[in-house]
C-alpha atoms as a PDB file:
ATOM      1  CA  MET A   1     172.384 146.789 -29.461  1.00  0.00           C
ATOM      2  CA  THR A   2     169.355 147.804 -31.415  1.00  0.00           C
ATOM      3  CA  THR A   3     168.524 146.688 -34.697  1.00  0.00           C
ATOM      4  CA  ALA A   4     166.762 149.681 -35.748  1.00  0.00           C
ATOM      5  CA  PRO A   5     168.528 151.053 -39.174  1.00  0.00           C
ATOM      6  CA  MET A   6     170.761 154.345 -38.401  1.00  0.00           C
ATOM      7  CA  ASN A   7     168.754 156.218 -40.893  1.00  0.00           C
ATOM      8  CA  PRO A   8     165.112 155.704 -39.885  1.00  0.00           C
ATOM      9  CA  LEU A   9     164.312 156.302 -43.904  1.00  0.00           C
ATOM     10  CA  ALA A  10     166.511 153.202 -44.789  1.00  0.00           C
ATOM     11  CA  GLY A  11     163.513 150.617 -44.283  1.00  0.00           C
ATOM     12  CA  PRO A  12     162.867 147.607 -42.150  1.00  0.00           C
ATOM     13  CA  ALA A  13     165.942 145.500 -40.921  1.00  0.00           C
ATOM     14  CA  GLY A  14     165.959 141.440 -40.699  1.00  0.00           C
ATOM     15  CA  PRO A  15     164.781 138.929 -43.252  1.00  0.00           C
ATOM     16  CA  GLY A  16     162.306 139.656 -45.614  1.00  0.00           C
ATOM     17  CA  LYS A  17     161.779 140.659 -49.083  1.00  0.00           C
ATOM     18  CA  TYR A  18     161.693 144.230 -47.815  1.00  0.00           C
ATOM     19  CA  SER A  19     164.184 144.337 -45.200  1.00  0.00           C
ATOM     20  CA  THR A  20     167.382 146.545 -45.870  1.00  0.00           C
ATOM     21  CA  ARG A  21     170.780 146.502 -44.785  1.00  0.00           C
ATOM     22  CA  THR A  22     171.542 148.190 -40.798  1.00  0.00           C
ATOM     23  CA  ASP A  23     175.176 147.927 -41.137  1.00  0.00           C
ATOM     24  CA  ASN A  24     175.775 150.564 -43.873  1.00  0.00           C
ATOM     25  CA  LEU A  25     177.797 147.935 -45.768  1.00  0.00           C
ATOM     26  CA  GLN A  26     177.621 149.265 -49.431  1.00  0.00           C
ATOM     27  CA  MET A  27     177.837 146.326 -52.130  1.00  0.00           C
ATOM     28  CA  GLY A  28     179.641 147.672 -55.070  1.00  0.00           C
ATOM     29  CA  SER A  29     178.467 146.872 -58.876  1.00  0.00           C
ATOM     30  CA  ILE A  30     179.763 143.911 -60.427  1.00  0.00           C
ATOM     31  CA  ALA A  31     180.456 145.635 -63.386  1.00  0.00           C
ATOM     32  CA  TYR A  32     181.944 148.709 -62.144  1.00  0.00           C
ATOM     33  CA  GLY A  33     184.736 149.491 -59.778  1.00  0.00           C
ATOM     34  CA  GLU A  34     184.528 147.090 -56.861  1.00  0.00           C
ATOM     35  CA  GLY A  35     182.728 144.139 -58.853  1.00  0.00           C
ATOM     36  CA  VAL A  36     185.918 143.951 -61.539  1.00  0.00           C
ATOM     37  CA  GLU A  37     187.474 141.574 -59.374  1.00  0.00           C
ATOM     38  CA  THR A  38     184.230 139.701 -58.977  1.00  0.00           C
ATOM     39  CA  ALA A  39     183.770 139.754 -62.644  1.00  0.00           C
ATOM     40  CA  ALA A  40     187.161 138.298 -63.298  1.00  0.00           C
ATOM     41  CA  ILE A  41     187.047 135.293 -61.305  1.00  0.00           C
ATOM     42  CA  GLN A  42     183.541 134.488 -62.798  1.00  0.00           C
ATOM     43  CA  SER A  43     184.762 134.638 -66.607  1.00  0.00           C
ATOM     44  CA  GLY A  44     187.867 132.080 -65.484  1.00  0.00           C
ATOM     45  CA  ALA A  45     185.729 129.481 -65.838  1.00  0.00           C
ATOM     46  CA  PRO A  46     182.394 128.310 -66.776  1.00  0.00           C
ATOM     47  CA  LEU A  47     180.058 128.558 -63.964  1.00  0.00           C
ATOM     48  CA  ALA A  48     178.265 124.921 -63.445  1.00  0.00           C
ATOM     49  CA  THR A  49     174.887 124.512 -64.666  1.00  0.00           C
ATOM     50  CA  ALA A  50     172.127 122.033 -63.878  1.00  0.00           C
ATOM     51  CA  PRO A  51     171.275 119.312 -66.301  1.00  0.00           C
ATOM     52  CA  ASP A  52     168.379 119.225 -67.846  1.00  0.00           C
ATOM     53  CA  VAL A  53     166.750 115.765 -66.435  1.00  0.00           C
ATOM     54  CA  ARG A  54     163.127 116.419 -68.006  1.00  0.00           C
ATOM     55  CA  LYS A  55     161.740 113.499 -70.505  1.00  0.00           C
ATOM     56  CA  GLU A  56     159.461 115.199 -72.554  1.00  0.00           C
ATOM     57  CA  PRO A  57     158.784 118.692 -73.064  1.00  0.00           C
ATOM     58  CA  ILE A  58     156.941 120.746 -70.677  1.00  0.00           C
ATOM     59  CA  THR A  59     154.091 122.370 -72.151  1.00  0.00           C
ATOM     60  CA  GLU A  60     153.175 125.841 -70.777  1.00  0.00           C
ATOM     61  CA  LEU A  61     150.144 126.694 -69.325  1.00  0.00           C
ATOM     62  CA  PHE A  62     148.671 128.932 -71.542  1.00  0.00           C
ATOM     63  CA  ALA A  63     149.529 127.065 -74.319  1.00  0.00           C
ATOM     64  CA  PRO A  64     147.337 126.381 -77.136  1.00  0.00           C
ATOM     65  CA  THR A  65     145.607 123.067 -77.270  1.00  0.00           C
ATOM     66  CA  GLN A  66     147.405 119.959 -78.815  1.00  0.00           C
ATOM     67  CA  ARG A  67     143.789 118.579 -78.988  1.00  0.00           C
ATOM     68  CA  PRO A  68     141.505 120.549 -79.841  1.00  0.00           C
ATOM     69  CA  ASP A  69     138.681 118.054 -81.057  1.00  0.00           C
ATOM     70  CA  GLU A  70     138.779 116.296 -77.554  1.00  0.00           C
ATOM     71  CA  PRO A  71     136.323 118.191 -75.059  1.00  0.00           C
ATOM     72  CA  ILE A  72     137.442 119.481 -71.732  1.00  0.00           C
ATOM     73  CA  THR A  73     135.573 117.314 -69.962  1.00  0.00           C
ATOM     74  CA  ALA A  74     136.903 113.814 -71.152  1.00  0.00           C
ATOM     75  CA  GLY A  75     137.670 111.714 -68.793  1.00  0.00           C
ATOM     76  CA  ILE A  76     135.309 112.744 -65.948  1.00  0.00           C
ATOM     77  CA  ASP A  77     132.267 111.430 -65.718  1.00  0.00           C
ATOM     78  CA  MET A  78     129.844 114.553 -66.325  1.00  0.00           C
ATOM     79  CA  GLY A  79     129.864 116.551 -69.816  1.00  0.00           C
ATOM     80  CA  GLU A  80     130.965 115.870 -73.619  1.00  0.00           C
ATOM     81  CA  GLY A  81     133.488 113.373 -74.156  1.00  0.00           C
ATOM     82  CA  VAL A  82     134.323 109.777 -72.812  1.00  0.00           C
ATOM     83  CA  GLY A  83     134.109 109.081 -69.070  1.00  0.00           C
ATOM     84  CA  SER A  84     136.512 107.803 -66.133  1.00  0.00           C
ATOM     85  CA  ASP A  85     135.975 104.303 -67.742  1.00  0.00           C
ATOM     86  CA  ALA A  86     138.129 105.192 -70.531  1.00  0.00           C
ATOM     87  CA  LEU A  87     141.029 105.777 -68.301  1.00  0.00           C
ATOM     88  CA  MET A  88     141.135 101.953 -67.461  1.00  0.00           C
ATOM     89  CA  MET A  89     142.377 102.681 -63.940  1.00  0.00           C
ATOM     90  CA  ASN A  90     139.687 100.389 -61.974  1.00  0.00           C
ATOM     91  CA  GLN A  91     139.854  97.434 -64.447  1.00  0.00           C
ATOM     92  CA  ILE A  92     141.612  94.248 -63.716  1.00  0.00           C
ATOM     93  CA  LYS A  93     143.038  92.403 -66.765  1.00  0.00           C
ATOM     94  CA  GLN A  94     140.993  89.118 -67.180  1.00  0.00           C
ATOM     95  CA  ASP A  95     144.112  87.056 -66.176  1.00  0.00           C
ATOM     96  CA  ASP A  96     144.581  88.744 -62.955  1.00  0.00           C
ATOM     97  CA  GLN A  97     140.698  88.324 -62.548  1.00  0.00           C
ATOM     98  CA  ASP A  98     141.126  84.966 -62.468  1.00  0.00           C
ATOM     99  CA  ILE A  99     143.395  84.940 -59.910  1.00  0.00           C
ATOM    100  CA  VAL A 100     141.795  86.845 -57.772  1.00  0.00           C
ATOM    101  CA  ALA A 101     138.390  84.900 -57.914  1.00  0.00           C
ATOM    102  CA  LYS A 102     140.457  81.799 -56.710  1.00  0.00           C
ATOM    103  CA  TYR A 103     141.710  83.582 -54.109  1.00  0.00           C
ATOM    104  CA  LEU A 104     138.874  85.850 -53.115  1.00  0.00           C
ATOM    105  CA  PRO A 105     136.976  83.068 -50.898  1.00  0.00           C
ATOM    106  CA  SER A 106     140.215  82.994 -48.435  1.00  0.00           C
ATOM    107  CA  LEU A 107     140.226  86.872 -48.763  1.00  0.00           C
ATOM    108  CA  SER A 108     137.110  87.592 -47.736  1.00  0.00           C
ATOM    109  CA  ALA A 109     137.245  85.494 -44.364  1.00  0.00           C
ATOM    110  CA  MET A 110     140.410  87.162 -43.588  1.00  0.00           C
ATOM    111  CA  ALA A 111     138.475  90.290 -43.924  1.00  0.00           C
ATOM    112  CA  SER A 112     135.275  89.078 -41.881  1.00  0.00           C
ATOM    113  CA  ALA A 113     138.034  88.536 -38.776  1.00  0.00           C
ATOM    114  CA  GLN A 114     137.098  90.857 -35.709  1.00  0.00           C
ATOM    115  CA  ASP A 115     140.656  92.323 -35.699  1.00  0.00           C
ATOM    116  CA  THR A 116     141.411  92.960 -39.736  1.00  0.00           C
ATOM    117  CA  PRO A 117     142.543  97.087 -40.776  1.00  0.00           C
ATOM    118  CA  GLN A 118     140.001  98.503 -42.145  1.00  0.00           C
ATOM    119  CA  SER A 119     141.812  98.978 -44.914  1.00  0.00           C
ATOM    120  CA  PHE A 120     142.091  95.438 -45.758  1.00  0.00           C
ATOM    121  CA  ARG A 121     137.972  95.309 -45.894  1.00  0.00           C
ATOM    122  CA  ALA A 122     138.290  98.271 -48.104  1.00  0.00           C
ATOM    123  CA  PHE A 123     140.910  96.299 -50.419  1.00  0.00           C
ATOM    124  CA  VAL A 124     138.634  93.009 -50.557  1.00  0.00           C
ATOM    125  CA  SER A 125     135.461  95.232 -51.086  1.00  0.00           C
ATOM    126  CA  PHE A 126     137.431  96.643 -53.925  1.00  0.00           C
ATOM    127  CA  LEU A 127     138.269  93.522 -55.343  1.00  0.00           C
ATOM    128  CA  GLN A 128     134.403  92.158 -54.787  1.00  0.00           C
ATOM    129  CA  GLY A 129     133.074  94.831 -56.937  1.00  0.00           C
ATOM    130  CA  SER A 130     136.286  94.735 -59.613  1.00  0.00           C
ATOM    131  CA  LEU A 131     135.157  91.468 -61.070  1.00  0.00           C
END
């Protein structure tokens, strides 16, 4: 059996955006004739909708800025505005810093062992640079 359409001008068969039906089955309009029964079934009860789980409203991509006085380069280490240090991502609180300083000699000794993973060595190096 072939999958070619019965009418060569009907378009390609198979899945995809530009595919067409090859079984000559015509779907009726849901507004007239054959679709009256479907419309009656759908009007019997409201269709389910997914609840909106967003906590904050979403800003559209091309919406006007909400911070017109802030430079577009704020938060990076080039151009106008504050640098990445304003984000405080790599800073440790003072009380945490005291605890890290207390355990850093032990962590450094573990990092210098031969079978220590590179990720742990990088973590200890990060801690040493943060103090």
